[in-house]
Amino acid sequence: MIVTLSHQKGGVGKSTVAWNLAVHFSSILDTRVIDLDTQRSLSVTNALRQENDLTPIQMLHFNSAEELAEYAASDTPDSLTIIDSGGFDSAYNRVAMIASDLLITPISDKPFDLMGLQKYEEILKSLSNIQGEVIKTHVLFNNINPAMKRFGDLVDFICMSDHFELMVSILRQRVDIAHSVGEGKSIKEYRIFSKADQEMDDLFGEVSTILNIK
């Protein structure tokens, strides 16, 4: 199985979500991470994890989009690969999008994210035309102000598109999330039963249901 955190816009929280998914699912099944972000955020976080005497996550790197495609073609249901795509449009990212069993696109409640989502929809339409099937991403509200209850235009736009499906889970702004990553930990390893931990648990459950992970 392949799960890709994907958005051509940077700074939406792809790496943080990918990291927490990877740490959680690594305790359940064989889990690898492909770090396509030019900043190599997850590779750095994994190094911090080792420094703190925690079991590292298996990291994979590829020298070309063709190598990534070959890896994806050999994917099996008994393992999980989580891809942290870069915040830009590239051959690597498009291969990941096409190969994925689940695409997740984090967005915040900022006005610029609506414009970014519109651009991302154009990429999904283009790939769908090439593949001859509708490629859909699951949109995740992430880094949301805790006081924010209504999402207005974002929800309307998401619901009108054939390429978007809104996730039930919502991840809000929590100080614990930034602190946990700084120690190479998942939020659950940093502070269990916190609000951030509870919200992340909701996401784990939703992803498990979509992918039928027992």
N, C-alpha and C. Protein backbone atom coordinates (compact mmCIF):
# COMPACT_ATOMS: atom_id res chain seq x y z
N MET A 1 0.84 -1.19 0.00
CA MET A 1 0.00 0.00 0.00
C MET A 1 0.88 1.25 0.00
N ILE A 2 0.44 2.24 -0.71
CA ILE A 2 1.18 3.50 -0.78
C ILE A 2 0.26 4.65 -0.41
N VAL A 3 0.70 5.44 0.55
CA VAL A 3 -0.01 6.65 0.96
C VAL A 3 0.89 7.84 0.67
N THR A 4 0.39 8.81 -0.06
CA THR A 4 1.20 9.99 -0.39
C THR A 4 0.56 11.25 0.18
N LEU A 5 1.37 12.01 0.90
CA LEU A 5 0.97 13.34 1.33
C LEU A 5 1.36 14.28 0.22
N SER A 6 0.37 14.84 -0.46
CA SER A 6 0.63 15.52 -1.72
C SER A 6 -0.07 16.87 -1.81
N HIS A 7 0.68 17.86 -2.25
CA HIS A 7 0.16 19.20 -2.54
C HIS A 7 1.31 19.95 -3.18
N GLN A 8 1.04 20.64 -4.28
CA GLN A 8 2.12 21.38 -4.92
C GLN A 8 2.49 22.63 -4.12
N LYS A 9 1.69 22.97 -3.11
CA LYS A 9 1.96 24.12 -2.25
C LYS A 9 2.75 23.68 -1.02
N GLY A 10 3.79 24.42 -0.68
CA GLY A 10 4.59 24.11 0.50
C GLY A 10 3.97 24.68 1.75
N GLY A 11 4.43 24.21 2.90
CA GLY A 11 4.02 24.77 4.17
C GLY A 11 2.63 24.41 4.65
N VAL A 12 2.06 23.32 4.11
CA VAL A 12 0.70 22.95 4.51
C VAL A 12 0.70 21.83 5.55
N GLY A 13 1.89 21.29 5.90
CA GLY A 13 1.97 20.28 6.95
C GLY A 13 2.10 18.86 6.47
N LYS A 14 2.50 18.66 5.22
CA LYS A 14 2.62 17.30 4.68
C LYS A 14 3.60 16.46 5.50
N SER A 15 4.76 17.03 5.81
CA SER A 15 5.81 16.27 6.50
C SER A 15 5.38 15.86 7.90
N THR A 16 4.74 16.76 8.62
CA THR A 16 4.30 16.46 9.99
C THR A 16 3.27 15.34 10.00
N VAL A 17 2.32 15.40 9.10
CA VAL A 17 1.30 14.35 9.03
C VAL A 17 1.93 13.03 8.59
N ALA A 18 2.79 13.08 7.58
CA ALA A 18 3.46 11.87 7.10
C ALA A 18 4.26 11.21 8.21
N TRP A 19 4.95 12.03 8.99
CA TRP A 19 5.78 11.49 10.08
C TRP A 19 4.94 10.76 11.13
N ASN A 20 3.86 11.38 11.55
CA ASN A 20 3.02 10.75 12.56
C ASN A 20 2.35 9.48 12.04
N LEU A 21 1.95 9.49 10.77
CA LEU A 21 1.41 8.27 10.18
C LEU A 21 2.46 7.16 10.14
N ALA A 22 3.68 7.52 9.77
CA ALA A 22 4.74 6.52 9.66
C ALA A 22 5.07 5.89 11.00
N VAL A 23 5.22 6.71 12.03
CA VAL A 23 5.55 6.16 13.36
C VAL A 23 4.42 5.28 13.86
N HIS A 24 3.18 5.72 13.69
CA HIS A 24 2.05 4.93 14.16
C HIS A 24 1.97 3.59 13.45
N PHE A 25 1.98 3.59 12.13
CA PHE A 25 1.76 2.35 11.39
C PHE A 25 2.98 1.43 11.41
N SER A 26 4.15 1.96 11.74
CA SER A 26 5.34 1.10 11.83
C SER A 26 5.22 0.10 12.97
N SER A 27 4.33 0.35 13.92
CA SER A 27 4.12 -0.60 15.02
C SER A 27 3.11 -1.68 14.65
N ILE A 28 2.50 -1.53 13.48
CA ILE A 28 1.45 -2.46 13.05
C ILE A 28 1.91 -3.32 11.87
N LEU A 29 2.61 -2.71 10.92
CA LEU A 29 3.06 -3.44 9.75
C LEU A 29 4.36 -2.83 9.21
N ASP A 30 4.97 -3.52 8.27
CA ASP A 30 6.22 -3.08 7.66
C ASP A 30 5.98 -1.73 6.99
N THR A 31 6.64 -0.69 7.50
CA THR A 31 6.39 0.67 7.02
C THR A 31 7.69 1.33 6.59
N ARG A 32 7.66 1.96 5.41
CA ARG A 32 8.81 2.71 4.90
C ARG A 32 8.36 4.13 4.58
N VAL A 33 9.32 5.03 4.54
CA VAL A 33 9.05 6.42 4.18
C VAL A 33 9.92 6.82 3.01
N ILE A 34 9.31 7.45 2.02
CA ILE A 34 10.05 8.03 0.90
C ILE A 34 10.00 9.54 1.07
N ASP A 35 11.16 10.15 1.20
CA ASP A 35 11.27 11.58 1.47
C ASP A 35 11.59 12.31 0.17
N LEU A 36 10.56 12.88 -0.46
CA LEU A 36 10.75 13.60 -1.72
C LEU A 36 10.89 15.11 -1.51
N ASP A 37 10.75 15.54 -0.27
CA ASP A 37 10.85 16.96 0.04
C ASP A 37 12.30 17.42 -0.12
N THR A 38 12.52 18.52 -0.83
CA THR A 38 13.89 19.00 -1.04
C THR A 38 14.57 19.37 0.27
N GLN A 39 13.80 19.71 1.30
CA GLN A 39 14.37 20.04 2.59
C GLN A 39 14.73 18.80 3.41
N ARG A 40 14.29 17.61 2.92
CA ARG A 40 14.58 16.35 3.61
C ARG A 40 14.15 16.41 5.08
N SER A 41 13.00 16.98 5.34
CA SER A 41 12.52 17.17 6.71
C SER A 41 12.41 15.86 7.48
N LEU A 42 11.87 14.83 6.85
CA LEU A 42 11.68 13.58 7.56
C LEU A 42 12.99 12.84 7.78
N SER A 43 13.94 13.01 6.88
CA SER A 43 15.26 12.40 7.08
C SER A 43 15.95 13.02 8.29
N VAL A 44 15.81 14.34 8.43
CA VAL A 44 16.37 15.04 9.59
C VAL A 44 15.66 14.59 10.87
N THR A 45 14.34 14.50 10.82
CA THR A 45 13.57 14.07 11.99
C THR A 45 13.94 12.65 12.39
N ASN A 46 14.17 11.80 11.39
CA ASN A 46 14.55 10.42 11.68
C ASN A 46 15.92 10.35 12.35
N ALA A 47 16.82 11.24 11.96
CA ALA A 47 18.14 11.29 12.60
C ALA A 47 18.00 11.72 14.06
N LEU A 48 17.12 12.68 14.32
CA LEU A 48 16.85 13.10 15.70
C LEU A 48 16.26 11.94 16.50
N ARG A 49 15.45 11.15 15.83
CA ARG A 49 14.84 9.99 16.49
C ARG A 49 15.92 9.01 16.96
N GLN A 50 16.89 8.75 16.12
CA GLN A 50 17.98 7.86 16.49
C GLN A 50 18.80 8.43 17.64
N GLU A 51 19.04 9.74 17.60
CA GLU A 51 19.80 10.39 18.67
C GLU A 51 19.10 10.25 20.02
N ASN A 52 17.77 10.14 20.00
CA ASN A 52 16.99 9.99 21.24
C ASN A 52 16.71 8.52 21.56
N ASP A 53 17.50 7.61 20.94
CA ASP A 53 17.43 6.17 21.22
C ASP A 53 16.06 5.57 20.95
N LEU A 54 15.39 6.09 19.91
CA LEU A 54 14.13 5.53 19.47
C LEU A 54 14.35 4.76 18.17
N THR A 55 13.54 3.75 17.94
CA THR A 55 13.69 2.93 16.73
C THR A 55 13.45 3.79 15.49
N PRO A 56 14.43 3.88 14.61
CA PRO A 56 14.27 4.72 13.41
C PRO A 56 13.27 4.13 12.43
N ILE A 57 12.74 4.99 11.59
CA ILE A 57 11.84 4.58 10.52
C ILE A 57 12.68 4.27 9.29
N GLN A 58 12.32 3.25 8.55
CA GLN A 58 13.06 2.92 7.33
C GLN A 58 12.82 3.99 6.27
N MET A 59 13.91 4.63 5.84
CA MET A 59 13.81 5.71 4.86
C MET A 59 14.34 5.24 3.51
N LEU A 60 13.64 5.61 2.44
CA LEU A 60 14.05 5.24 1.08
C LEU A 60 14.27 6.50 0.25
N HIS A 61 15.27 6.47 -0.61
CA HIS A 61 15.55 7.58 -1.52
C HIS A 61 15.78 7.02 -2.93
N PHE A 62 15.39 7.77 -3.94
CA PHE A 62 15.53 7.32 -5.32
C PHE A 62 16.23 8.39 -6.15
N ASN A 63 16.98 7.93 -7.13
CA ASN A 63 17.76 8.85 -7.97
C ASN A 63 16.98 9.38 -9.17
N SER A 64 15.82 8.79 -9.44
CA SER A 64 15.03 9.24 -10.58
C SER A 64 13.57 8.87 -10.37
N ALA A 65 12.70 9.54 -11.12
CA ALA A 65 11.28 9.22 -11.07
C ALA A 65 11.03 7.81 -11.60
N GLU A 66 11.88 7.37 -12.54
CA GLU A 66 11.74 6.02 -13.09
C GLU A 66 12.00 4.97 -12.00
N GLU A 67 13.00 5.21 -11.15
CA GLU A 67 13.28 4.29 -10.05
C GLU A 67 12.11 4.23 -9.08
N LEU A 68 11.52 5.38 -8.81
CA LEU A 68 10.35 5.42 -7.93
C LEU A 68 9.20 4.64 -8.54
N ALA A 69 8.99 4.78 -9.84
CA ALA A 69 7.91 4.06 -10.52
C ALA A 69 8.12 2.55 -10.44
N GLU A 70 9.38 2.11 -10.59
CA GLU A 70 9.69 0.69 -10.49
C GLU A 70 9.41 0.16 -9.09
N TYR A 71 9.76 0.96 -8.09
CA TYR A 71 9.48 0.56 -6.71
C TYR A 71 7.97 0.45 -6.50
N ALA A 72 7.23 1.43 -6.96
CA ALA A 72 5.78 1.44 -6.78
C ALA A 72 5.12 0.24 -7.47
N ALA A 73 5.67 -0.16 -8.60
CA ALA A 73 5.11 -1.29 -9.34
C ALA A 73 5.24 -2.60 -8.57
N SER A 74 6.21 -2.66 -7.64
CA SER A 74 6.42 -3.88 -6.86
C SER A 74 5.74 -3.82 -5.50
N ASP A 75 4.89 -2.83 -5.29
CA ASP A 75 4.20 -2.64 -4.01
C ASP A 75 3.30 -3.84 -3.70
N THR A 76 3.21 -4.17 -2.40
CA THR A 76 2.39 -5.29 -1.96
C THR A 76 1.44 -4.84 -0.85
N PRO A 77 0.33 -5.55 -0.65
CA PRO A 77 -0.65 -5.15 0.37
C PRO A 77 -0.16 -5.33 1.80
N ASP A 78 0.90 -6.12 2.01
CA ASP A 78 1.34 -6.40 3.37
C ASP A 78 2.41 -5.43 3.88
N SER A 79 2.66 -4.36 3.15
CA SER A 79 3.58 -3.33 3.60
C SER A 79 2.97 -1.96 3.31
N LEU A 80 3.49 -0.95 3.99
CA LEU A 80 2.97 0.40 3.81
C LEU A 80 4.13 1.34 3.50
N THR A 81 3.99 2.07 2.41
CA THR A 81 4.97 3.10 2.05
C THR A 81 4.28 4.46 2.15
N ILE A 82 4.88 5.35 2.92
CA ILE A 82 4.36 6.70 3.07
C ILE A 82 5.30 7.66 2.36
N ILE A 83 4.76 8.40 1.41
CA ILE A 83 5.57 9.32 0.61
C ILE A 83 5.27 10.76 1.03
N ASP A 84 6.33 11.46 1.41
CA ASP A 84 6.22 12.89 1.70
C ASP A 84 6.67 13.63 0.44
N SER A 85 5.71 14.10 -0.35
CA SER A 85 6.07 14.73 -1.62
C SER A 85 6.50 16.17 -1.39
N GLY A 86 7.22 16.71 -2.33
CA GLY A 86 7.69 18.09 -2.21
C GLY A 86 6.58 19.08 -2.49
N GLY A 87 6.77 20.31 -2.05
CA GLY A 87 5.78 21.36 -2.27
C GLY A 87 5.96 22.03 -3.61
N PHE A 88 5.90 21.23 -4.67
CA PHE A 88 6.08 21.72 -6.03
C PHE A 88 5.59 20.63 -6.97
N ASP A 89 5.43 20.96 -8.24
CA ASP A 89 5.01 19.98 -9.23
C ASP A 89 6.26 19.40 -9.88
N SER A 90 6.37 18.07 -9.92
CA SER A 90 7.55 17.42 -10.48
C SER A 90 7.19 16.03 -10.97
N ALA A 91 8.11 15.42 -11.73
CA ALA A 91 7.89 14.05 -12.21
C ALA A 91 7.81 13.09 -11.03
N TYR A 92 8.67 13.28 -10.02
CA TYR A 92 8.62 12.44 -8.81
C TYR A 92 7.22 12.47 -8.19
N ASN A 93 6.74 13.69 -7.97
CA ASN A 93 5.46 13.84 -7.29
C ASN A 93 4.30 13.27 -8.11
N ARG A 94 4.37 13.41 -9.42
CA ARG A 94 3.30 12.87 -10.26
C ARG A 94 3.31 11.35 -10.27
N VAL A 95 4.48 10.75 -10.26
CA VAL A 95 4.57 9.29 -10.15
C VAL A 95 3.94 8.83 -8.84
N ALA A 96 4.27 9.53 -7.75
CA ALA A 96 3.73 9.17 -6.44
C ALA A 96 2.21 9.29 -6.43
N MET A 97 1.69 10.34 -7.06
CA MET A 97 0.24 10.54 -7.08
C MET A 97 -0.47 9.41 -7.83
N ILE A 98 0.09 9.02 -8.95
CA ILE A 98 -0.53 7.98 -9.76
C ILE A 98 -0.46 6.62 -9.07
N ALA A 99 0.66 6.37 -8.37
CA ALA A 99 0.89 5.05 -7.78
C ALA A 99 0.16 4.84 -6.46
N SER A 100 -0.37 5.89 -5.87
CA SER A 100 -0.88 5.81 -4.50
C SER A 100 -2.23 5.11 -4.37
N ASP A 101 -2.36 4.37 -3.28
CA ASP A 101 -3.65 3.81 -2.90
C ASP A 101 -4.47 4.86 -2.16
N LEU A 102 -3.79 5.84 -1.58
CA LEU A 102 -4.47 6.92 -0.87
C LEU A 102 -3.64 8.20 -0.99
N LEU A 103 -4.27 9.23 -1.50
CA LEU A 103 -3.66 10.56 -1.54
C LEU A 103 -4.29 11.40 -0.44
N ILE A 104 -3.46 12.09 0.34
CA ILE A 104 -3.94 13.00 1.37
C ILE A 104 -3.35 14.38 1.11
N THR A 105 -4.20 15.39 1.07
CA THR A 105 -3.76 16.76 0.83
C THR A 105 -4.12 17.64 2.02
N PRO A 106 -3.14 17.97 2.86
CA PRO A 106 -3.45 18.86 3.99
C PRO A 106 -3.62 20.30 3.51
N ILE A 107 -4.57 20.99 4.11
CA ILE A 107 -4.74 22.43 3.86
C ILE A 107 -5.13 23.10 5.17
N SER A 108 -4.79 24.37 5.29
CA SER A 108 -5.19 25.13 6.47
C SER A 108 -6.41 25.99 6.14
N ASP A 109 -6.77 26.86 7.07
CA ASP A 109 -7.93 27.73 6.84
C ASP A 109 -7.52 29.08 6.26
N LYS A 110 -6.29 29.19 5.77
CA LYS A 110 -5.80 30.45 5.21
C LYS A 110 -6.36 30.67 3.80
N PRO A 111 -6.67 31.91 3.44
CA PRO A 111 -7.25 32.18 2.11
C PRO A 111 -6.40 31.68 0.96
N PHE A 112 -5.06 31.75 1.08
CA PHE A 112 -4.19 31.32 0.00
C PHE A 112 -4.31 29.82 -0.26
N ASP A 113 -4.78 29.07 0.73
CA ASP A 113 -4.90 27.63 0.53
C ASP A 113 -6.00 27.29 -0.46
N LEU A 114 -7.03 28.12 -0.56
CA LEU A 114 -8.08 27.89 -1.56
C LEU A 114 -7.50 28.02 -2.96
N MET A 115 -6.68 29.05 -3.17
CA MET A 115 -6.03 29.23 -4.48
C MET A 115 -5.09 28.06 -4.78
N GLY A 116 -4.37 27.61 -3.75
CA GLY A 116 -3.46 26.48 -3.93
C GLY A 116 -4.20 25.21 -4.28
N LEU A 117 -5.38 25.02 -3.68
CA LEU A 117 -6.19 23.83 -3.95
C LEU A 117 -6.72 23.86 -5.38
N GLN A 118 -7.04 25.03 -5.87
CA GLN A 118 -7.50 25.16 -7.26
C GLN A 118 -6.40 24.76 -8.23
N LYS A 119 -5.17 25.16 -7.96
CA LYS A 119 -4.04 24.78 -8.79
C LYS A 119 -3.80 23.28 -8.72
N TYR A 120 -3.95 22.72 -7.54
CA TYR A 120 -3.73 21.29 -7.37
C TYR A 120 -4.80 20.50 -8.12
N GLU A 121 -6.01 21.02 -8.17
CA GLU A 121 -7.07 20.35 -8.90
C GLU A 121 -6.73 20.26 -10.39
N GLU A 122 -6.09 21.29 -10.92
CA GLU A 122 -5.67 21.26 -12.32
C GLU A 122 -4.68 20.12 -12.59
N ILE A 123 -3.77 19.89 -11.64
CA ILE A 123 -2.81 18.80 -11.78
C ILE A 123 -3.54 17.45 -11.74
N LEU A 124 -4.49 17.31 -10.83
CA LEU A 124 -5.25 16.06 -10.73
C LEU A 124 -6.06 15.81 -12.00
N LYS A 125 -6.63 16.86 -12.58
CA LYS A 125 -7.38 16.71 -13.83
C LYS A 125 -6.47 16.25 -14.96
N SER A 126 -5.28 16.85 -15.03
CA SER A 126 -4.32 16.48 -16.07
C SER A 126 -3.91 15.02 -15.95
N LEU A 127 -3.59 14.58 -14.73
CA LEU A 127 -3.19 13.19 -14.53
C LEU A 127 -4.36 12.24 -14.79
N SER A 128 -5.55 12.66 -14.44
CA SER A 128 -6.73 11.83 -14.68
C SER A 128 -6.95 11.61 -16.17
N ASN A 129 -6.75 12.66 -16.96
CA ASN A 129 -6.89 12.53 -18.41
C ASN A 129 -5.86 11.58 -18.99
N ILE A 130 -4.64 11.64 -18.46
CA ILE A 130 -3.56 10.76 -18.93
C ILE A 130 -3.85 9.31 -18.57
N GLN A 131 -4.32 9.09 -17.32
CA GLN A 131 -4.55 7.73 -16.81
C GLN A 131 -5.89 7.15 -17.25
N GLY A 132 -6.81 8.01 -17.71
CA GLY A 132 -8.12 7.51 -18.11
C GLY A 132 -9.00 7.14 -16.94
N GLU A 133 -8.76 7.71 -15.78
CA GLU A 133 -9.57 7.48 -14.59
C GLU A 133 -9.49 8.69 -13.68
N VAL A 134 -10.49 8.87 -12.83
CA VAL A 134 -10.51 10.02 -11.94
C VAL A 134 -9.56 9.77 -10.77
N ILE A 135 -8.56 10.62 -10.65
CA ILE A 135 -7.64 10.55 -9.53
C ILE A 135 -8.15 11.52 -8.47
N LYS A 136 -8.35 10.99 -7.28
CA LYS A 136 -8.97 11.77 -6.21
C LYS A 136 -8.03 11.85 -5.01
N THR A 137 -8.04 12.99 -4.33
CA THR A 137 -7.28 13.13 -3.09
C THR A 137 -8.23 13.39 -1.94
N HIS A 138 -7.82 12.93 -0.75
CA HIS A 138 -8.58 13.17 0.47
C HIS A 138 -8.02 14.42 1.12
N VAL A 139 -8.85 15.44 1.23
CA VAL A 139 -8.42 16.74 1.76
C VAL A 139 -8.55 16.73 3.27
N LEU A 140 -7.44 17.08 3.94
CA LEU A 140 -7.37 17.07 5.40
C LEU A 140 -7.19 18.48 5.93
N PHE A 141 -8.15 18.97 6.72
CA PHE A 141 -7.95 20.25 7.38
C PHE A 141 -6.88 20.09 8.44
N ASN A 142 -5.80 20.87 8.32
CA ASN A 142 -4.62 20.72 9.17
C ASN A 142 -4.15 22.07 9.67
N ASN A 143 -3.60 22.08 10.87
CA ASN A 143 -3.07 23.32 11.46
C ASN A 143 -4.16 24.40 11.55
N ILE A 144 -5.34 23.96 11.96
CA ILE A 144 -6.50 24.85 12.03
C ILE A 144 -6.57 25.53 13.39
N ASN A 145 -6.89 26.80 13.40
CA ASN A 145 -7.10 27.53 14.65
C ASN A 145 -8.14 26.79 15.49
N PRO A 146 -7.84 26.49 16.77
CA PRO A 146 -8.79 25.75 17.61
C PRO A 146 -10.17 26.40 17.72
N ALA A 147 -10.23 27.72 17.53
CA ALA A 147 -11.52 28.42 17.63
C ALA A 147 -12.32 28.37 16.33
N MET A 148 -11.68 27.90 15.26
CA MET A 148 -12.32 27.88 13.94
C MET A 148 -13.34 26.75 13.86
N LYS A 149 -14.57 27.07 13.55
CA LYS A 149 -15.63 26.07 13.47
C LYS A 149 -16.24 25.94 12.07
N ARG A 150 -16.17 27.02 11.28
CA ARG A 150 -16.78 27.02 9.96
C ARG A 150 -15.70 27.21 8.89
N PHE A 151 -15.86 26.54 7.77
CA PHE A 151 -14.82 26.56 6.74
C PHE A 151 -15.29 27.13 5.41
N GLY A 152 -16.56 27.52 5.34
CA GLY A 152 -17.09 28.31 4.24
C GLY A 152 -16.72 27.85 2.85
N ASP A 153 -16.02 28.74 2.11
CA ASP A 153 -15.72 28.52 0.70
C ASP A 153 -14.90 27.25 0.47
N LEU A 154 -14.02 26.92 1.41
CA LEU A 154 -13.18 25.73 1.24
C LEU A 154 -14.04 24.47 1.14
N VAL A 155 -15.00 24.33 2.03
CA VAL A 155 -15.87 23.15 2.01
C VAL A 155 -16.69 23.12 0.73
N ASP A 156 -17.24 24.27 0.33
CA ASP A 156 -18.03 24.33 -0.90
C ASP A 156 -17.21 23.90 -2.11
N PHE A 157 -15.97 24.41 -2.19
CA PHE A 157 -15.11 24.08 -3.32
C PHE A 157 -14.75 22.60 -3.33
N ILE A 158 -14.45 22.07 -2.16
CA ILE A 158 -14.07 20.65 -2.05
C ILE A 158 -15.24 19.76 -2.46
N CYS A 159 -16.41 20.07 -1.99
CA CYS A 159 -17.58 19.22 -2.26
C CYS A 159 -18.02 19.27 -3.72
N MET A 160 -17.69 20.34 -4.43
CA MET A 160 -18.10 20.47 -5.84
C MET A 160 -17.15 19.74 -6.79
N SER A 161 -15.96 19.37 -6.32
CA SER A 161 -14.97 18.78 -7.22
C SER A 161 -15.02 17.26 -7.21
N ASP A 162 -14.90 16.65 -8.39
CA ASP A 162 -14.81 15.19 -8.50
C ASP A 162 -13.48 14.66 -8.00
N HIS A 163 -12.52 15.56 -7.81
CA HIS A 163 -11.16 15.13 -7.45
C HIS A 163 -10.84 15.26 -5.97
N PHE A 164 -11.78 15.80 -5.20
CA PHE A 164 -11.56 16.01 -3.77
C PHE A 164 -12.60 15.26 -2.95
N GLU A 165 -12.14 14.73 -1.83
CA GLU A 165 -13.04 14.15 -0.84
C GLU A 165 -12.58 14.65 0.53
N LEU A 166 -13.47 15.28 1.27
CA LEU A 166 -13.11 15.88 2.54
C LEU A 166 -13.03 14.82 3.63
N MET A 167 -11.92 14.80 4.35
CA MET A 167 -11.76 13.86 5.46
C MET A 167 -12.53 14.37 6.68
N VAL A 168 -12.98 13.45 7.49
CA VAL A 168 -13.70 13.79 8.71
C VAL A 168 -12.74 14.35 9.76
N SER A 169 -11.55 13.78 9.82
CA SER A 169 -10.55 14.19 10.82
C SER A 169 -10.11 15.64 10.59
N ILE A 170 -9.86 16.34 11.68
CA ILE A 170 -9.34 17.71 11.63
C ILE A 170 -8.18 17.81 12.62
N LEU A 171 -7.03 18.31 12.15
CA LEU A 171 -5.88 18.53 13.01
C LEU A 171 -5.75 20.04 13.25
N ARG A 172 -5.77 20.43 14.51
CA ARG A 172 -5.72 21.85 14.84
C ARG A 172 -4.33 22.26 15.33
N GLN A 173 -4.13 23.57 15.42
CA GLN A 173 -2.84 24.10 15.88
C GLN A 173 -2.61 23.66 17.32
N ARG A 174 -1.54 22.88 17.53
CA ARG A 174 -1.18 22.40 18.86
C ARG A 174 0.33 22.55 19.05
N VAL A 175 0.72 23.14 20.16
CA VAL A 175 2.14 23.34 20.44
C VAL A 175 2.88 22.00 20.52
N ASP A 176 2.21 20.99 21.04
CA ASP A 176 2.85 19.68 21.21
C ASP A 176 3.36 19.10 19.89
N ILE A 177 2.69 19.40 18.80
CA ILE A 177 3.07 18.82 17.51
C ILE A 177 4.46 19.29 17.10
N ALA A 178 4.72 20.58 17.17
CA ALA A 178 6.04 21.11 16.81
C ALA A 178 7.11 20.58 17.75
N HIS A 179 6.82 20.52 19.03
CA HIS A 179 7.80 20.05 20.02
C HIS A 179 8.14 18.57 19.81
N SER A 180 7.14 17.77 19.48
CA SER A 180 7.37 16.34 19.31
C SER A 180 8.29 16.06 18.13
N VAL A 181 8.03 16.73 17.00
CA VAL A 181 8.87 16.53 15.82
C VAL A 181 10.30 16.96 16.09
N GLY A 182 10.48 18.00 16.89
CA GLY A 182 11.82 18.47 17.23
C GLY A 182 12.63 17.47 18.02
N GLU A 183 11.97 16.45 18.58
CA GLU A 183 12.66 15.39 19.31
C GLU A 183 12.64 14.07 18.54
N GLY A 184 12.15 14.12 17.31
CA GLY A 184 12.09 12.90 16.51
C GLY A 184 10.99 11.95 16.95
N LYS A 185 9.98 12.48 17.62
CA LYS A 185 8.90 11.66 18.14
C LYS A 185 7.60 11.93 17.41
N SER A 186 6.68 10.98 17.51
CA SER A 186 5.31 11.24 17.09
C SER A 186 4.61 11.95 18.23
N ILE A 187 3.44 12.50 17.98
CA ILE A 187 2.73 13.20 19.04
C ILE A 187 2.37 12.24 20.16
N LYS A 188 2.06 11.00 19.84
CA LYS A 188 1.69 10.02 20.87
C LYS A 188 2.89 9.69 21.76
N GLU A 189 4.08 9.64 21.18
CA GLU A 189 5.28 9.38 21.97
C GLU A 189 5.66 10.57 22.84
N TYR A 190 5.24 11.75 22.40
CA TYR A 190 5.60 12.97 23.13
C TYR A 190 4.64 13.23 24.30
N ARG A 191 3.33 13.18 24.03
CA ARG A 191 2.35 13.43 25.09
C ARG A 191 1.05 12.71 24.75
N ILE A 192 0.88 11.54 25.37
CA ILE A 192 -0.32 10.75 25.12
C ILE A 192 -1.53 11.40 25.81
N PHE A 193 -2.68 11.21 25.22
CA PHE A 193 -3.97 11.69 25.72
C PHE A 193 -4.13 13.21 25.63
N SER A 194 -3.20 13.89 24.96
CA SER A 194 -3.38 15.32 24.73
C SER A 194 -4.41 15.51 23.62
N LYS A 195 -4.85 16.76 23.43
CA LYS A 195 -5.80 17.03 22.35
C LYS A 195 -5.19 16.69 21.00
N ALA A 196 -3.90 17.00 20.83
CA ALA A 196 -3.23 16.69 19.57
C ALA A 196 -3.20 15.19 19.34
N ASP A 197 -2.95 14.43 20.40
CA ASP A 197 -2.91 12.97 20.30
C ASP A 197 -4.28 12.42 19.93
N GLN A 198 -5.32 12.95 20.53
CA GLN A 198 -6.68 12.49 20.23
C GLN A 198 -7.06 12.78 18.78
N GLU A 199 -6.68 13.97 18.30
CA GLU A 199 -6.99 14.31 16.91
C GLU A 199 -6.21 13.43 15.94
N MET A 200 -4.96 13.14 16.28
CA MET A 200 -4.15 12.28 15.41
C MET A 200 -4.70 10.85 15.42
N ASP A 201 -5.19 10.39 16.57
CA ASP A 201 -5.81 9.07 16.64
C ASP A 201 -7.02 8.97 15.70
N ASP A 202 -7.79 10.06 15.62
CA ASP A 202 -8.93 10.07 14.69
C ASP A 202 -8.45 9.88 13.25
N LEU A 203 -7.33 10.55 12.92
CA LEU A 203 -6.78 10.41 11.57
C LEU A 203 -6.29 8.99 11.32
N PHE A 204 -5.59 8.41 12.30
CA PHE A 204 -5.13 7.02 12.15
C PHE A 204 -6.30 6.09 11.88
N GLY A 205 -7.38 6.27 12.62
CA GLY A 205 -8.54 5.42 12.44
C GLY A 205 -9.16 5.59 11.08
N GLU A 206 -9.24 6.84 10.61
CA GLU A 206 -9.83 7.09 9.30
C GLU A 206 -8.98 6.50 8.18
N VAL A 207 -7.67 6.65 8.27
CA VAL A 207 -6.77 6.08 7.26
C VAL A 207 -6.87 4.55 7.29
N SER A 208 -6.91 3.96 8.48
CA SER A 208 -7.02 2.50 8.60
C SER A 208 -8.30 2.00 7.95
N THR A 209 -9.39 2.73 8.11
CA THR A 209 -10.67 2.34 7.51
C THR A 209 -10.61 2.41 5.99
N ILE A 210 -10.04 3.50 5.47
CA ILE A 210 -9.95 3.67 4.02
C ILE A 210 -9.12 2.55 3.39
N LEU A 211 -8.00 2.20 4.04
CA LEU A 211 -7.09 1.20 3.48
C LEU A 211 -7.37 -0.22 3.97
N ASN A 212 -8.38 -0.35 4.85
CA ASN A 212 -8.75 -1.66 5.40
C ASN A 212 -7.57 -2.29 6.15
N ILE A 213 -6.90 -1.47 6.96
CA ILE A 213 -5.81 -1.96 7.81
C ILE A 213 -6.41 -2.39 9.13
N LYS A 214 -6.20 -3.64 9.49
CA LYS A 214 -6.77 -4.18 10.74
C LYS A 214 -5.83 -3.95 11.91
